[in-house]
Amino acid sequence: MAARLSVARAARQLTSSAARRPATAYPVSCQRWQKAPIQSRLFTVSAQWEEKKYTEDHEWVELSADGKTATLGISTYAAKALGDIVFCELPQVGVEFSSGDAIGAVESVKSASDILTPISGEVVEVNSALEEVPGGINKDPEGEGWIAKIAVQAEPEGLMSAEEYKKHTEEA
């Protein structure tokens, strides 16, 4: 009886994992995907925003493709310097901030640090997964460890490119 149940469980896992795989993994793909039109991605972002920008306070900002929202987080350098993050205070959605304001904080076993926004705008989304697992910032600080998305009111000034930021952190 146990062998029959494990065979049934294995069959369910195979069928569910096959359903999750993209159609490109198989030589014969679903016709629905073949007929889907390819949409071109429109770039309205200025050339200077094609990469992440960094602040002297070790936050990063990345502007979305439409140029209306920016994603904010702490840099890999800051995450390593803080150590294991145990608490993350996130901003509230709908609150407006000016450039230089503290929008939240991160606390680690070593210290605590405010999160300063380099841009003016309104918080439109927060990474609520960090409330339950604040260590997610340590795992991928410049990816899945983002803190907030902000509707941009004006293009920020005084930010560093990745190369400039690397030089800045080497000097510190």
Protein backbone atom coordinates (compact mmCIF):
# COMPACT_ATOMS: atom_id res chain seq x y z
CA MET A 1 0.00 0.00 0.00
CA ALA A 2 2.82 2.41 0.87
CA ALA A 3 4.54 1.67 -2.45
CA ARG A 4 1.34 2.46 -4.35
CA LEU A 5 0.98 5.80 -2.52
CA SER A 6 4.59 6.80 -3.22
CA VAL A 7 4.17 5.95 -6.92
CA ALA A 8 1.02 8.09 -7.02
CA ARG A 9 2.84 10.96 -5.27
CA ALA A 10 5.74 10.74 -7.74
CA ALA A 11 3.33 10.81 -10.68
CA ARG A 12 1.62 13.94 -9.29
CA GLN A 13 4.97 15.67 -8.80
CA LEU A 14 6.05 14.89 -12.37
CA THR A 15 2.83 16.18 -13.88
CA SER A 16 2.82 19.34 -11.75
CA SER A 17 6.48 20.14 -12.51
CA ALA A 18 5.88 19.55 -16.23
CA ALA A 19 3.01 22.02 -16.13
CA ARG A 20 5.25 24.68 -14.55
CA ARG A 21 8.03 24.44 -17.14
CA PRO A 22 8.01 27.01 -19.92
CA ALA A 23 6.93 25.85 -23.35
CA THR A 24 10.38 26.58 -24.80
CA ALA A 25 11.86 23.62 -22.91
CA TYR A 26 10.02 21.16 -25.16
CA PRO A 27 10.42 20.67 -28.92
CA VAL A 28 6.64 20.79 -29.32
CA SER A 29 5.13 23.76 -27.55
CA CYS A 30 1.61 24.84 -26.80
CA GLN A 31 -0.13 26.51 -29.75
CA ARG A 32 -1.44 29.25 -27.49
CA TRP A 33 2.14 30.38 -26.82
CA GLN A 34 3.09 30.15 -30.49
CA LYS A 35 0.30 32.54 -31.48
CA ALA A 36 1.06 35.10 -28.77
CA PRO A 37 2.39 38.32 -30.34
CA ILE A 38 5.79 39.51 -29.23
CA GLN A 39 5.48 42.91 -27.63
CA SER A 40 8.34 45.31 -28.01
CA ARG A 41 9.58 47.04 -24.90
CA LEU A 42 9.41 50.80 -25.10
CA PHE A 43 12.17 52.75 -23.40
CA THR A 44 11.38 56.27 -22.33
CA VAL A 45 14.10 56.39 -19.74
CA SER A 46 17.03 58.71 -20.24
CA ALA A 47 20.38 57.11 -21.04
CA GLN A 48 21.72 57.89 -17.57
CA TRP A 49 19.06 55.66 -15.95
CA GLU A 50 19.92 52.46 -17.80
CA GLU A 51 21.62 51.11 -14.67
CA LYS A 52 21.23 51.19 -10.92
CA LYS A 53 22.33 54.35 -9.21
CA TYR A 54 23.81 54.52 -5.72
CA THR A 55 23.95 57.04 -2.89
CA GLU A 56 26.79 57.82 -0.50
CA ASP A 57 24.60 56.31 2.25
CA HIS A 58 24.66 52.92 0.48
CA GLU A 59 21.14 52.83 -0.95
CA TRP A 60 20.44 51.93 -4.57
CA VAL A 61 17.72 53.18 -6.91
CA GLU A 62 16.56 51.64 -10.16
CA LEU A 63 14.06 53.42 -12.38
CA SER A 64 11.37 51.31 -14.08
CA ALA A 65 11.14 51.09 -17.87
CA ASP A 66 8.25 53.56 -17.97
CA GLY A 67 10.19 56.06 -15.86
CA LYS A 68 7.35 56.57 -13.40
CA THR A 69 8.44 54.40 -10.48
CA ALA A 70 11.76 53.69 -8.83
CA THR A 71 12.76 50.67 -6.77
CA LEU A 72 14.79 51.38 -3.64
CA GLY A 73 16.99 49.13 -1.54
CA ILE A 74 20.27 48.90 0.32
CA SER A 75 23.46 47.97 -1.47
CA THR A 76 25.34 44.69 -1.18
CA TYR A 77 28.14 46.59 0.55
CA ALA A 78 25.71 47.87 3.22
CA ALA A 79 24.13 44.44 3.70
CA LYS A 80 27.56 42.87 4.28
CA ALA A 81 28.59 45.68 6.64
CA LEU A 82 25.40 45.30 8.70
CA GLY A 83 25.68 41.53 9.02
CA ASP A 84 22.62 39.36 9.64
CA ILE A 85 19.54 41.57 9.39
CA VAL A 86 16.95 40.66 12.04
CA PHE A 87 14.34 43.42 11.58
CA CYS A 88 13.22 45.65 8.73
CA GLU A 89 10.93 48.63 9.25
CA LEU A 90 9.14 49.34 5.97
CA PRO A 91 7.43 52.59 4.95
CA GLN A 92 3.66 52.81 4.64
CA VAL A 93 2.08 52.76 1.19
CA GLY A 94 0.69 56.15 0.17
CA VAL A 95 3.09 58.25 2.24
CA GLU A 96 5.00 60.99 0.41
CA PHE A 97 8.68 61.63 1.07
CA SER A 98 11.21 64.23 0.04
CA SER A 99 14.73 63.46 -1.04
CA GLY A 100 16.90 62.70 1.99
CA ASP A 101 14.05 61.62 4.30
CA ALA A 102 14.24 58.41 6.31
CA ILE A 103 11.58 56.04 5.03
CA GLY A 104 12.42 53.04 7.19
CA ALA A 105 15.17 51.22 9.03
CA VAL A 106 17.06 47.95 9.10
CA GLU A 107 18.40 46.37 12.27
CA SER A 108 21.05 43.71 12.42
CA VAL A 109 22.89 41.86 15.15
CA LYS A 110 25.65 44.50 14.83
CA SER A 111 23.77 47.79 14.45
CA ALA A 112 20.75 49.65 13.09
CA SER A 113 20.58 51.99 10.12
CA ASP A 114 17.97 54.32 8.65
CA ILE A 115 16.96 53.90 5.03
CA LEU A 116 17.17 57.30 3.33
CA THR A 117 15.40 57.95 0.06
CA PRO A 118 17.42 59.79 -2.58
CA ILE A 119 14.27 60.66 -4.52
CA SER A 120 11.06 62.56 -3.83
CA GLY A 121 7.80 60.75 -4.34
CA GLU A 122 5.02 58.58 -2.96
CA VAL A 123 5.47 55.01 -1.78
CA VAL A 124 3.33 52.80 -4.03
CA GLU A 125 4.53 49.34 -2.94
CA VAL A 126 6.64 47.75 -0.21
CA ASN A 127 8.35 44.37 -0.09
CA SER A 128 6.16 42.89 2.64
CA ALA A 129 8.08 39.60 2.50
CA LEU A 130 10.84 41.39 4.44
CA GLU A 131 8.55 41.79 7.45
CA GLU A 132 8.45 38.04 7.94
CA VAL A 133 11.95 37.22 6.64
CA PRO A 134 14.17 40.31 7.01
CA GLY A 135 17.21 38.17 6.21
CA GLY A 136 16.02 38.22 2.59
CA ILE A 137 17.96 41.47 2.29
CA ASN A 138 21.19 39.61 3.10
CA LYS A 139 20.50 36.92 0.48
CA ASP A 140 19.85 39.27 -2.45
CA PRO A 141 20.10 42.95 -1.41
CA GLU A 142 20.07 44.33 -4.96
CA GLY A 143 17.37 42.01 -6.28
CA GLU A 144 14.64 40.31 -4.26
CA GLY A 145 15.71 42.27 -1.17
CA TRP A 146 14.32 45.58 -2.46
CA ILE A 147 12.56 47.72 0.14
CA ALA A 148 10.05 50.00 -1.57
CA LYS A 149 8.79 51.23 -4.91
CA ILE A 150 8.25 54.95 -5.17
CA ALA A 151 6.29 57.01 -7.72
CA VAL A 152 8.93 59.49 -8.85
CA GLN A 153 8.08 63.20 -8.74
CA ALA A 154 11.37 64.53 -10.12
CA GLU A 155 14.57 63.05 -11.47
CA PRO A 156 17.09 62.80 -8.63
CA GLU A 157 20.53 64.36 -8.69
CA GLY A 158 23.84 63.45 -7.13
CA LEU A 159 23.65 59.69 -7.58
CA MET A 160 26.63 57.52 -8.48
CA SER A 161 26.99 54.93 -11.21
CA ALA A 162 28.07 51.40 -10.28
CA GLU A 163 31.70 52.21 -11.09
CA GLU A 164 31.67 55.42 -9.08
CA TYR A 165 30.04 53.62 -6.15
CA LYS A 166 32.65 50.86 -6.26
CA LYS A 167 35.40 53.48 -6.03
CA HIS A 168 33.52 55.17 -3.18
CA THR A 169 33.31 51.94 -1.17
CA GLU A 170 36.97 51.09 -1.79
CA GLU A 171 37.98 54.46 -0.36
CA ALA A 172 35.92 53.94 2.79
